[in-house]
Amino acid sequence: GAVQAGGSLRLSCAASGRTFRSYVMGWFRQAPGKEREFVAAISRDG
């Protein structure tokens, strides 16, 4: 969504299926005109 500087947001990534715990997960972002950037990653067991 849209927020002002200093604000907060919580993103969710919902997975279908029952094998979610078998996957390492990551967040990436891409701004216009820029390369994709690594944001965060988390192991299978967290």
All heavy atoms as atom14 arrays in JSON, in Angstrom:
{
  "sequence": "GAVQAGGSLRLSCAASGRTFRSYVMGWFRQAPGKEREFVAAISRDG",
  "atom14_mask": [
    [1, 1, 1, 1, 0, 0, 0, 0, 0, 0, 0, 0, 0, 0],
    [1, 1, 1, 1, 1, 0, 0, 0, 0, 0, 0, 0, 0, 0],
    [1, 1, 1, 1, 1, 1, 1, 0, 0, 0, 0, 0, 0, 0],
    [1, 1, 1, 1, 1, 1, 1, 1, 1, 0, 0, 0, 0, 0],
    [1, 1, 1, 1, 1, 0, 0, 0, 0, 0, 0, 0, 0, 0],
    [1, 1, 1, 1, 0, 0, 0, 0, 0, 0, 0, 0, 0, 0],
    [1, 1, 1, 1, 0, 0, 0, 0, 0, 0, 0, 0, 0, 0],
    [1, 1, 1, 1, 1, 1, 0, 0, 0, 0, 0, 0, 0, 0],
    [1, 1, 1, 1, 1, 1, 1, 1, 0, 0, 0, 0, 0, 0],
    [1, 1, 1, 1, 1, 1, 1, 1, 1, 1, 1, 0, 0, 0],
    [1, 1, 1, 1, 1, 1, 1, 1, 0, 0, 0, 0, 0, 0],
    [1, 1, 1, 1, 1, 1, 0, 0, 0, 0, 0, 0, 0, 0],
    [1, 1, 1, 1, 1, 1, 0, 0, 0, 0, 0, 0, 0, 0],
    [1, 1, 1, 1, 1, 0, 0, 0, 0, 0, 0, 0, 0, 0],
    [1, 1, 1, 1, 1, 0, 0, 0, 0, 0, 0, 0, 0, 0],
    [1, 1, 1, 1, 1, 1, 0, 0, 0, 0, 0, 0, 0, 0],
    [1, 1, 1, 1, 0, 0, 0, 0, 0, 0, 0, 0, 0, 0],
    [1, 1, 1, 1, 1, 1, 1, 1, 1, 1, 1, 0, 0, 0],
    [1, 1, 1, 1, 1, 1, 1, 0, 0, 0, 0, 0, 0, 0],
    [1, 1, 1, 1, 1, 1, 1, 1, 1, 1, 1, 0, 0, 0],
    [1, 1, 1, 1, 1, 1, 1, 1, 1, 1, 1, 0, 0, 0],
    [1, 1, 1, 1, 1, 1, 0, 0, 0, 0, 0, 0, 0, 0],
    [1, 1, 1, 1, 1, 1, 1, 1, 1, 1, 1, 1, 0, 0],
    [1, 1, 1, 1, 1, 1, 1, 0, 0, 0, 0, 0, 0, 0],
    [1, 1, 1, 1, 1, 1, 1, 1, 0, 0, 0, 0, 0, 0],
    [1, 1, 1, 1, 0, 0, 0, 0, 0, 0, 0, 0, 0, 0],
    [1, 1, 1, 1, 1, 1, 1, 1, 1, 1, 1, 1, 1, 1],
    [1, 1, 1, 1, 1, 1, 1, 1, 1, 1, 1, 0, 0, 0],
    [1, 1, 1, 1, 1, 1, 1, 1, 1, 1, 1, 0, 0, 0],
    [1, 1, 1, 1, 1, 1, 1, 1, 1, 0, 0, 0, 0, 0],
    [1, 1, 1, 1, 1, 0, 0, 0, 0, 0, 0, 0, 0, 0],
    [1, 1, 1, 1, 1, 1, 1, 0, 0, 0, 0, 0, 0, 0],
    [1, 1, 1, 1, 0, 0, 0, 0, 0, 0, 0, 0, 0, 0],
    [1, 1, 1, 1, 1, 1, 1, 1, 1, 0, 0, 0, 0, 0],
    [1, 1, 1, 1, 1, 1, 1, 1, 1, 0, 0, 0, 0, 0],
    [1, 1, 1, 1, 1, 1, 1, 1, 1, 1, 1, 0, 0, 0],
    [1, 1, 1, 1, 1, 1, 1, 1, 1, 0, 0, 0, 0, 0],
    [1, 1, 1, 1, 1, 1, 1, 1, 1, 1, 1, 0, 0, 0],
    [1, 1, 1, 1, 1, 1, 1, 0, 0, 0, 0, 0, 0, 0],
    [1, 1, 1, 1, 1, 0, 0, 0, 0, 0, 0, 0, 0, 0],
    [1, 1, 1, 1, 1, 0, 0, 0, 0, 0, 0, 0, 0, 0],
    [1, 1, 1, 1, 1, 1, 1, 1, 0, 0, 0, 0, 0, 0],
    [1, 1, 1, 1, 1, 1, 0, 0, 0, 0, 0, 0, 0, 0],
    [1, 1, 1, 1, 1, 1, 1, 1, 1, 1, 1, 0, 0, 0],
    [1, 1, 1, 1, 1, 1, 1, 1, 0, 0, 0, 0, 0, 0],
    [1, 1, 1, 1, 0, 0, 0, 0, 0, 0, 0, 0, 0, 0]
  ],
  "atom14_positions": [
    [[0.82, -1.2, 0.0], [0.0, 0.0, 0.0], [0.86, 1.25, 0.0], [2.07, 1.18, -0.25], [0.0, 0.0, 0.0], [0.0, 0.0, 0.0], [0.0, 0.0, 0.0], [0.0, 0.0, 0.0], [0.0, 0.0, 0.0], [0.0, 0.0, 0.0], [0.0, 0.0, 0.0], [0.0, 0.0, 0.0], [0.0, 0.0, 0.0], [0.0, 0.0, 0.0]],
    [[0.21, 2.37, 0.28], [0.9, 3.66, 0.3], [0.96, 4.18, 1.72], [-0.07, 4.21, 2.42], [0.17, 4.66, -0.6], [0.0, 0.0, 0.0], [0.0, 0.0, 0.0], [0.0, 0.0, 0.0], [0.0, 0.0, 0.0], [0.0, 0.0, 0.0], [0.0, 0.0, 0.0], [0.0, 0.0, 0.0], [0.0, 0.0, 0.0], [0.0, 0.0, 0.0]],
    [[2.15, 4.56, 2.16], [2.34, 5.09, 3.51], [3.29, 6.27, 3.45], [4.03, 6.45, 2.48], [2.9, 4.04, 4.49], [1.93, 2.89, 4.66], [4.25, 3.54, 4.01], [0.0, 0.0, 0.0], [0.0, 0.0, 0.0], [0.0, 0.0, 0.0], [0.0, 0.0, 0.0], [0.0, 0.0, 0.0], [0.0, 0.0, 0.0], [0.0, 0.0, 0.0]],
    [[3.3, 7.05, 4.52], [4.25, 8.15, 4.62], [5.55, 7.64, 5.23], [5.57, 6.62, 5.93], [3.66, 9.27, 5.46], [2.5, 9.99, 4.78], [2.09, 11.24, 5.53], [2.2, 11.32, 6.75], [1.62, 12.24, 4.79], [0.0, 0.0, 0.0], [0.0, 0.0, 0.0], [0.0, 0.0, 0.0], [0.0, 0.0, 0.0], [0.0, 0.0, 0.0]],
    [[6.61, 8.37, 4.97], [7.9, 8.02, 5.54], [7.8, 7.9, 7.05], [7.12, 8.71, 7.71], [8.93, 9.08, 5.17], [0.0, 0.0, 0.0], [0.0, 0.0, 0.0], [0.0, 0.0, 0.0], [0.0, 0.0, 0.0], [0.0, 0.0, 0.0], [0.0, 0.0, 0.0], [0.0, 0.0, 0.0], [0.0, 0.0, 0.0], [0.0, 0.0, 0.0]],
    [[8.46, 6.87, 7.58], [8.39, 6.6, 9.01], [7.29, 5.63, 9.39], [7.28, 5.14, 10.53], [0.0, 0.0, 0.0], [0.0, 0.0, 0.0], [0.0, 0.0, 0.0], [0.0, 0.0, 0.0], [0.0, 0.0, 0.0], [0.0, 0.0, 0.0], [0.0, 0.0, 0.0], [0.0, 0.0, 0.0], [0.0, 0.0, 0.0], [0.0, 0.0, 0.0]],
    [[6.41, 5.34, 8.46], [5.3, 4.43, 8.73], [5.7, 2.97, 8.65], [6.87, 2.63, 8.43], [0.0, 0.0, 0.0], [0.0, 0.0, 0.0], [0.0, 0.0, 0.0], [0.0, 0.0, 0.0], [0.0, 0.0, 0.0], [0.0, 0.0, 0.0], [0.0, 0.0, 0.0], [0.0, 0.0, 0.0], [0.0, 0.0, 0.0], [0.0, 0.0, 0.0]],
    [[4.7, 2.11, 8.82], [4.93, 0.67, 8.84], [3.92, -0.05, 7.95], [2.8, 0.43, 7.75], [4.79, 0.12, 10.27], [5.76, 0.68, 11.13], [0.0, 0.0, 0.0], [0.0, 0.0, 0.0], [0.0, 0.0, 0.0], [0.0, 0.0, 0.0], [0.0, 0.0, 0.0], [0.0, 0.0, 0.0], [0.0, 0.0, 0.0], [0.0, 0.0, 0.0]],
    [[4.35, -1.17, 7.44], [3.48, -2.08, 6.72], [3.89, -3.5, 7.06], [5.07, -3.76, 7.38], [3.59, -1.89, 5.2], [2.9, -0.68, 4.56], [3.28, -0.58, 3.09], [1.4, -0.76, 4.72], [0.0, 0.0, 0.0], [0.0, 0.0, 0.0], [0.0, 0.0, 0.0], [0.0, 0.0, 0.0], [0.0, 0.0, 0.0], [0.0, 0.0, 0.0]],
    [[2.95, -4.42, 6.94], [3.25, -5.83, 7.13], [2.81, -6.59, 5.89], [1.6, -6.64, 5.6], [2.55, -6.39, 8.35], [3.01, -7.81, 8.73], [2.11, -8.41, 9.76], [2.71, -9.58, 10.41], [2.01, -10.54, 10.99], [0.68, -10.47, 11.0], [2.62, -11.57, 11.57], [0.0, 0.0, 0.0], [0.0, 0.0, 0.0], [0.0, 0.0, 0.0]],
    [[3.76, -7.13, 5.17], [3.45, -7.92, 3.99], [3.27, -9.38, 4.37], [3.93, -9.89, 5.29], [4.58, -7.81, 2.97], [4.95, -6.41, 2.5], [6.01, -6.5, 1.41], [3.75, -5.63, 2.03], [0.0, 0.0, 0.0], [0.0, 0.0, 0.0], [0.0, 0.0, 0.0], [0.0, 0.0, 0.0], [0.0, 0.0, 0.0], [0.0, 0.0, 0.0]],
    [[2.38, -10.04, 3.65], [2.16, -11.47, 3.83], [2.39, -12.18, 2.51], [2.12, -11.63, 1.44], [0.73, -11.75, 4.32], [0.51, -11.17, 5.58], [0.0, 0.0, 0.0], [0.0, 0.0, 0.0], [0.0, 0.0, 0.0], [0.0, 0.0, 0.0], [0.0, 0.0, 0.0], [0.0, 0.0, 0.0], [0.0, 0.0, 0.0], [0.0, 0.0, 0.0]],
    [[2.85, -13.4, 2.61], [3.04, -14.27, 1.44], [2.39, -15.59, 1.79], [2.93, -16.38, 2.57], [4.52, -14.45, 1.13], [4.88, -15.63, -0.19], [0.0, 0.0, 0.0], [0.0, 0.0, 0.0], [0.0, 0.0, 0.0], [0.0, 0.0, 0.0], [0.0, 0.0, 0.0], [0.0, 0.0, 0.0], [0.0, 0.0, 0.0], [0.0, 0.0, 0.0]],
    [[1.2, -15.82, 1.22], [0.45, -17.03, 1.51], [0.76, -18.09, 0.46], [0.74, -17.82, -0.74], [-1.04, -16.72, 1.52], [0.0, 0.0, 0.0], [0.0, 0.0, 0.0], [0.0, 0.0, 0.0], [0.0, 0.0, 0.0], [0.0, 0.0, 0.0], [0.0, 0.0, 0.0], [0.0, 0.0, 0.0], [0.0, 0.0, 0.0], [0.0, 0.0, 0.0]],
    [[1.02, -19.29, 0.93], [1.36, -20.4, 0.04], [0.23, -21.41, 0.0], [-0.36, -21.74, 1.04], [2.64, -21.07, 0.51], [0.0, 0.0, 0.0], [0.0, 0.0, 0.0], [0.0, 0.0, 0.0], [0.0, 0.0, 0.0], [0.0, 0.0, 0.0], [0.0, 0.0, 0.0], [0.0, 0.0, 0.0], [0.0, 0.0, 0.0], [0.0, 0.0, 0.0]],
    [[-0.07, -21.88, -1.17], [-1.06, -22.94, -1.31], [-0.37, -24.28, -1.12], [0.84, -24.39, -1.2], [-1.7, -22.89, -2.7], [-0.72, -23.16, -3.69], [0.0, 0.0, 0.0], [0.0, 0.0, 0.0], [0.0, 0.0, 0.0], [0.0, 0.0, 0.0], [0.0, 0.0, 0.0], [0.0, 0.0, 0.0], [0.0, 0.0, 0.0], [0.0, 0.0, 0.0]],
    [[-1.15, -25.32, -0.88], [-0.54, -26.63, -0.73], [-0.09, -26.89, 0.7], [-0.07, -25.99, 1.54], [0.0, 0.0, 0.0], [0.0, 0.0, 0.0], [0.0, 0.0, 0.0], [0.0, 0.0, 0.0], [0.0, 0.0, 0.0], [0.0, 0.0, 0.0], [0.0, 0.0, 0.0], [0.0, 0.0, 0.0], [0.0, 0.0, 0.0], [0.0, 0.0, 0.0]],
    [[0.3, -28.14, 0.96], [0.66, -28.51, 2.32], [2.15, -28.8, 2.48], [2.54, -29.47, 3.41], [-0.17, -29.74, 2.72], [-1.64, -29.43, 2.91], [-2.42, -30.66, 3.3], [-2.61, -31.55, 2.16], [-3.3, -32.68, 2.24], [-3.8, -33.07, 3.38], [-3.45, -33.43, 1.17], [0.0, 0.0, 0.0], [0.0, 0.0, 0.0], [0.0, 0.0, 0.0]],
    [[2.97, -28.27, 1.56], [4.4, -28.52, 1.63], [5.2, -27.26, 1.9], [6.4, -27.22, 1.67], [4.89, -29.15, 0.31], [4.6, -28.25, -0.78], [4.22, -30.48, 0.07], [0.0, 0.0, 0.0], [0.0, 0.0, 0.0], [0.0, 0.0, 0.0], [0.0, 0.0, 0.0], [0.0, 0.0, 0.0], [0.0, 0.0, 0.0], [0.0, 0.0, 0.0]],
    [[4.54, -26.24, 2.42], [5.19, -24.94, 2.66], [6.45, -25.09, 3.49], [7.47, -24.46, 3.24], [4.2, -24.0, 3.35], [4.78, -22.67, 3.7], [5.08, -21.74, 2.71], [5.0, -22.3, 5.03], [5.59, -20.49, 3.03], [5.52, -21.06, 5.36], [5.82, -20.16, 4.35], [0.0, 0.0, 0.0], [0.0, 0.0, 0.0], [0.0, 0.0, 0.0]],
    [[6.4, -25.96, 4.48], [7.55, -26.12, 5.38], [8.75, -26.74, 4.69], [9.83, -26.82, 5.29], [7.14, -26.92, 6.59], [6.73, -28.36, 6.31], [6.28, -29.09, 7.59], [5.07, -28.54, 8.11], [5.0, -27.92, 9.28], [6.09, -27.77, 10.02], [3.85, -27.46, 9.74], [0.0, 0.0, 0.0], [0.0, 0.0, 0.0], [0.0, 0.0, 0.0]],
    [[8.59, -27.2, 3.46], [9.72, -27.77, 2.7], [10.5, -26.73, 1.93], [11.5, -27.06, 1.28], [9.19, -28.83, 1.71], [8.55, -29.88, 2.38], [0.0, 0.0, 0.0], [0.0, 0.0, 0.0], [0.0, 0.0, 0.0], [0.0, 0.0, 0.0], [0.0, 0.0, 0.0], [0.0, 0.0, 0.0], [0.0, 0.0, 0.0], [0.0, 0.0, 0.0]],
    [[10.08, -25.47, 1.99], [10.66, -24.42, 1.17], [11.38, -23.37, 2.0], [10.84, -22.87, 3.0], [9.58, -23.72, 0.34], [8.97, -24.59, -0.73], [7.95, -25.49, -0.44], [9.42, -24.52, -2.05], [7.4, -26.29, -1.42], [8.87, -25.31, -3.05], [7.86, -26.19, -2.72], [7.31, -26.98, -3.7], [0.0, 0.0, 0.0], [0.0, 0.0, 0.0]],
    [[12.58, -23.03, 1.57], [13.21, -21.82, 2.07], [12.54, -20.66, 1.34], [12.18, -20.76, 0.17], [14.73, -21.82, 1.84], [15.07, -21.89, 0.37], [15.38, -20.62, 2.47], [0.0, 0.0, 0.0], [0.0, 0.0, 0.0], [0.0, 0.0, 0.0], [0.0, 0.0, 0.0], [0.0, 0.0, 0.0], [0.0, 0.0, 0.0], [0.0, 0.0, 0.0]],
    [[12.33, -19.57, 2.05], [11.55, -18.46, 1.51], [12.36, -17.16, 1.5], [13.24, -16.95, 2.34], [10.3, -18.25, 2.35], [9.37, -19.45, 2.43], [8.6, -19.84, 0.85], [7.62, -18.37, 0.57], [0.0, 0.0, 0.0], [0.0, 0.0, 0.0], [0.0, 0.0, 0.0], [0.0, 0.0, 0.0], [0.0, 0.0, 0.0], [0.0, 0.0, 0.0]],
    [[12.01, -16.3, 0.56], [12.7, -15.02, 0.47], [11.8, -13.9, 0.02], [10.73, -14.14, -0.56], [0.0, 0.0, 0.0], [0.0, 0.0, 0.0], [0.0, 0.0, 0.0], [0.0, 0.0, 0.0], [0.0, 0.0, 0.0], [0.0, 0.0, 0.0], [0.0, 0.0, 0.0], [0.0, 0.0, 0.0], [0.0, 0.0, 0.0], [0.0, 0.0, 0.0]],
    [[12.21, -12.68, 0.33], [11.56, -11.46, -0.15], [12.56, -10.7, -1.01], [13.73, -10.53, -0.63], [11.13, -10.56, 1.01], [9.93, -11.0, 1.77], [9.91, -11.61, 2.99], [8.56, -10.84, 1.37], [8.62, -11.84, 3.37], [7.77, -11.38, 2.4], [7.93, -10.3, 0.25], [6.37, -11.4, 2.35], [6.54, -10.31, 0.2], [5.78, -10.86, 1.24]],
    [[12.08, -10.21, -2.13], [12.88, -9.38, -3.02], [12.05, -8.16, -3.41], [10.83, -8.17, -3.29], [13.29, -10.15, -4.28], [14.26, -11.27, -4.0], [13.8, -12.49, -3.53], [15.61, -11.1, -4.2], [14.69, -13.53, -3.26], [16.51, -12.13, -3.94], [16.04, -13.34, -3.46], [0.0, 0.0, 0.0], [0.0, 0.0, 0.0], [0.0, 0.0, 0.0]],
    [[12.72, -7.13, -3.87], [11.99, -5.95, -4.33], [12.65, -5.4, -5.58], [13.84, -5.6, -5.81], [11.93, -4.88, -3.25], [13.27, -4.23, -2.89], [13.1, -3.29, -1.72], [14.35, -2.61, -1.38], [14.5, -1.81, -0.34], [13.48, -1.6, 0.49], [15.65, -1.21, -0.12], [0.0, 0.0, 0.0], [0.0, 0.0, 0.0], [0.0, 0.0, 0.0]],
    [[11.84, -4.71, -6.37], [12.36, -4.09, -7.58], [11.67, -2.76, -7.79], [10.44, -2.69, -7.9], [12.15, -4.99, -8.79], [12.86, -4.48, -10.04], [12.99, -5.54, -11.12], [12.25, -6.52, -11.14], [13.93, -5.34, -12.03], [0.0, 0.0, 0.0], [0.0, 0.0, 0.0], [0.0, 0.0, 0.0], [0.0, 0.0, 0.0], [0.0, 0.0, 0.0]],
    [[12.48, -1.72, -7.84], [11.98, -0.37, -8.1], [12.12, -0.09, -9.6], [12.95, -0.7, -10.27], [12.77, 0.65, -7.29], [0.0, 0.0, 0.0], [0.0, 0.0, 0.0], [0.0, 0.0, 0.0], [0.0, 0.0, 0.0], [0.0, 0.0, 0.0], [0.0, 0.0, 0.0], [0.0, 0.0, 0.0], [0.0, 0.0, 0.0], [0.0, 0.0, 0.0]],
    [[11.32, 0.84, -10.11], [11.41, 1.16, -11.54], [12.82, 1.56, -11.96], [13.45, 2.39, -11.3], [10.43, 2.33, -11.69], [9.47, 2.16, -10.58], [10.26, 1.59, -9.43], [0.0, 0.0, 0.0], [0.0, 0.0, 0.0], [0.0, 0.0, 0.0], [0.0, 0.0, 0.0], [0.0, 0.0, 0.0], [0.0, 0.0, 0.0], [0.0, 0.0, 0.0]],
    [[13.31, 0.92, -13.01], [14.63, 1.27, -13.53], [15.79, 0.7, -12.74], [16.96, 1.0, -13.04], [0.0, 0.0, 0.0], [0.0, 0.0, 0.0], [0.0, 0.0, 0.0], [0.0, 0.0, 0.0], [0.0, 0.0, 0.0], [0.0, 0.0, 0.0], [0.0, 0.0, 0.0], [0.0, 0.0, 0.0], [0.0, 0.0, 0.0], [0.0, 0.0, 0.0]],
    [[15.48, -0.12, -11.72], [16.55, -0.69, -10.9], [16.52, -2.21, -10.96], [15.5, -2.8, -11.31], [16.42, -0.21, -9.46], [16.65, 1.28, -9.28], [16.7, 1.65, -7.82], [17.0, 3.13, -7.63], [17.09, 3.5, -6.18], [0.0, 0.0, 0.0], [0.0, 0.0, 0.0], [0.0, 0.0, 0.0], [0.0, 0.0, 0.0], [0.0, 0.0, 0.0]],
    [[17.63, -2.82, -10.58], [17.69, -4.27, -10.55], [16.95, -4.81, -9.34], [16.76, -4.1, -8.34], [19.16, -4.73, -10.52], [19.93, -4.42, -11.8], [21.3, -5.03, -11.79], [21.72, -5.57, -10.75], [21.98, -4.96, -12.84], [0.0, 0.0, 0.0], [0.0, 0.0, 0.0], [0.0, 0.0, 0.0], [0.0, 0.0, 0.0], [0.0, 0.0, 0.0]],
    [[16.57, -6.07, -9.43], [15.93, -6.73, -8.3], [16.91, -6.78, -7.13], [18.09, -7.08, -7.3], [15.51, -8.13, -8.69], [14.78, -8.91, -7.6], [14.39, -10.27, -8.12], [13.29, -10.2, -9.06], [12.9, -11.22, -9.82], [13.55, -12.37, -9.78], [11.89, -11.09, -10.65], [0.0, 0.0, 0.0], [0.0, 0.0, 0.0], [0.0, 0.0, 0.0]],
    [[16.4, -6.53, -5.93], [17.23, -6.44, -4.73], [16.78, -7.44, -3.69], [15.57, -7.56, -3.41], [17.16, -5.02, -4.16], [17.95, -4.81, -2.88], [17.72, -3.44, -2.27], [16.81, -2.72, -2.73], [18.45, -3.09, -1.33], [0.0, 0.0, 0.0], [0.0, 0.0, 0.0], [0.0, 0.0, 0.0], [0.0, 0.0, 0.0], [0.0, 0.0, 0.0]],
    [[17.73, -8.12, -3.08], [17.42, -9.02, -1.97], [16.99, -8.22, -0.75], [17.67, -7.26, -0.36], [18.65, -9.86, -1.64], [18.54, -10.62, -0.34], [17.71, -11.72, -0.24], [19.26, -10.22, 0.78], [17.6, -12.42, 0.95], [19.17, -10.91, 1.97], [18.33, -12.01, 2.06], [0.0, 0.0, 0.0], [0.0, 0.0, 0.0], [0.0, 0.0, 0.0]],
    [[15.9, -8.65, -0.14], [15.39, -7.98, 1.06], [15.59, -8.85, 2.3], [16.15, -8.4, 3.3], [13.9, -7.62, 0.9], [13.35, -7.03, 2.2], [13.7, -6.66, -0.26], [0.0, 0.0, 0.0], [0.0, 0.0, 0.0], [0.0, 0.0, 0.0], [0.0, 0.0, 0.0], [0.0, 0.0, 0.0], [0.0, 0.0, 0.0], [0.0, 0.0, 0.0]],
    [[15.12, -10.09, 2.23], [15.21, -10.95, 3.41], [14.98, -12.4, 2.99], [14.38, -12.67, 1.95], [14.19, -10.54, 4.47], [0.0, 0.0, 0.0], [0.0, 0.0, 0.0], [0.0, 0.0, 0.0], [0.0, 0.0, 0.0], [0.0, 0.0, 0.0], [0.0, 0.0, 0.0], [0.0, 0.0, 0.0], [0.0, 0.0, 0.0], [0.0, 0.0, 0.0]],
    [[15.47, -13.31, 3.83], [15.24, -14.74, 3.61], [15.11, -15.43, 4.95], [15.63, -14.95, 5.96], [16.38, -15.35, 2.8], [0.0, 0.0, 0.0], [0.0, 0.0, 0.0], [0.0, 0.0, 0.0], [0.0, 0.0, 0.0], [0.0, 0.0, 0.0], [0.0, 0.0, 0.0], [0.0, 0.0, 0.0], [0.0, 0.0, 0.0], [0.0, 0.0, 0.0]],
    [[14.42, -16.57, 4.92], [14.19, -17.31, 6.15], [14.25, -18.8, 5.84], [13.74, -19.26, 4.81], [12.85, -16.91, 6.79], [12.67, -17.57, 8.16], [11.67, -17.2, 5.87], [11.54, -16.95, 8.97], [0.0, 0.0, 0.0], [0.0, 0.0, 0.0], [0.0, 0.0, 0.0], [0.0, 0.0, 0.0], [0.0, 0.0, 0.0], [0.0, 0.0, 0.0]],
    [[14.88, -19.55, 6.73], [15.03, -20.98, 6.53], [13.7, -21.71, 6.68], [12.71, -21.14, 7.15], [16.05, -21.54, 7.52], [15.62, -21.31, 8.86], [0.0, 0.0, 0.0], [0.0, 0.0, 0.0], [0.0, 0.0, 0.0], [0.0, 0.0, 0.0], [0.0, 0.0, 0.0], [0.0, 0.0, 0.0], [0.0, 0.0, 0.0], [0.0, 0.0, 0.0]],
    [[13.7, -22.97, 6.3], [12.48, -23.78, 6.37], [11.85, -23.77, 7.74], [10.64, -23.66, 7.9], [12.79, -25.22, 5.96], [12.89, -25.49, 4.5], [13.32, -26.93, 4.25], [12.58, -27.86, 5.1], [12.87, -29.16, 5.2], [13.89, -29.67, 4.51], [12.17, -29.95, 5.97], [0.0, 0.0, 0.0], [0.0, 0.0, 0.0], [0.0, 0.0, 0.0]],
    [[12.69, -23.93, 8.76], [12.16, -24.03, 10.12], [12.08, -22.68, 10.83], [11.7, -22.62, 12.0], [12.99, -25.0, 10.95], [14.44, -24.58, 11.12], [14.81, -23.48, 10.63], [15.21, -25.32, 11.73], [0.0, 0.0, 0.0], [0.0, 0.0, 0.0], [0.0, 0.0, 0.0], [0.0, 0.0, 0.0], [0.0, 0.0, 0.0], [0.0, 0.0, 0.0]],
    [[12.46, -21.61, 10.13], [12.37, -20.28, 10.69], [13.47, -19.91, 11.68], [13.46, -18.81, 12.24], [0.0, 0.0, 0.0], [0.0, 0.0, 0.0], [0.0, 0.0, 0.0], [0.0, 0.0, 0.0], [0.0, 0.0, 0.0], [0.0, 0.0, 0.0], [0.0, 0.0, 0.0], [0.0, 0.0, 0.0], [0.0, 0.0, 0.0], [0.0, 0.0, 0.0]]
  ]
}
